């Protein structure tokens, strides 16, 4: 049964929003420019149909900024392997789009994204808190499988130093924008330090943590399991459960403030 999502005005459901999201995401992007265009169009739909304070719109706004930042740096020396980085950006975004498409078409998104989708409208959760939870889902759940998919599509062998360098660089871009996260969001109370800011101090380093050896080993472990589909899916499911648990904790704290 498809969950009912309240509109910003509280006047029922948003079937038009789901239909528009599904129509957009039915065709996945093939390039970084395509990813940016999808994110821009998606932002327009989310804000129009669900309101600018919608949880998904809050994350999408940040993700659009990050993706533009990566695209703008493609010709710099920041990335070791441009082909790998371009494909990784596309595969990474596609996992996010697939989660939204599943929800929009009555399917079941990954648990990590379900946390955000099920509680996308809550009076006591701020846009910044929603954005943090979206980053948790996208980076902690989506990035390692995206590395595996990227190497597979490009016909690469085991991910090596060049791929690892770009994996770290993507995390560095996320970290930079996480540090600036609150600049683009309104505080609930300008006179107080919100939980968003407190959470940011705890969670802003999530992308940096992912760039360390433990996170890279997750991608390598998945790579080794790619020829054993059942084991691969079991490992991804376990990753999804862990990420969802953290997301639920973050949103619960936000709802209690």
Foldseek 3Di string as FASTA:
>chain_A
DADADAAPVRPTGQLVLLVVLLVLLVDADDWLVRLLVSLVVNLVSCCVRRNCFFLVNLQSVLVSVLSVVCVVCLPPPQALDSLLLGQLVRLLSNLVSVQSNQNSVVHHHQLLVVLRVVPRDAPQFGSLLSNLSVCLSSQQQRRLVSSLVSCVVVVHDQDDDNSLSSLQSSLVSQLVSLVVSCVVTDDPDPVDDAVSNVVSVVRSCVSVVCSDPVVNVLSRVLNVCVVPVVVNVVSSSVSSVVSSVVSNVSVVVSNVD
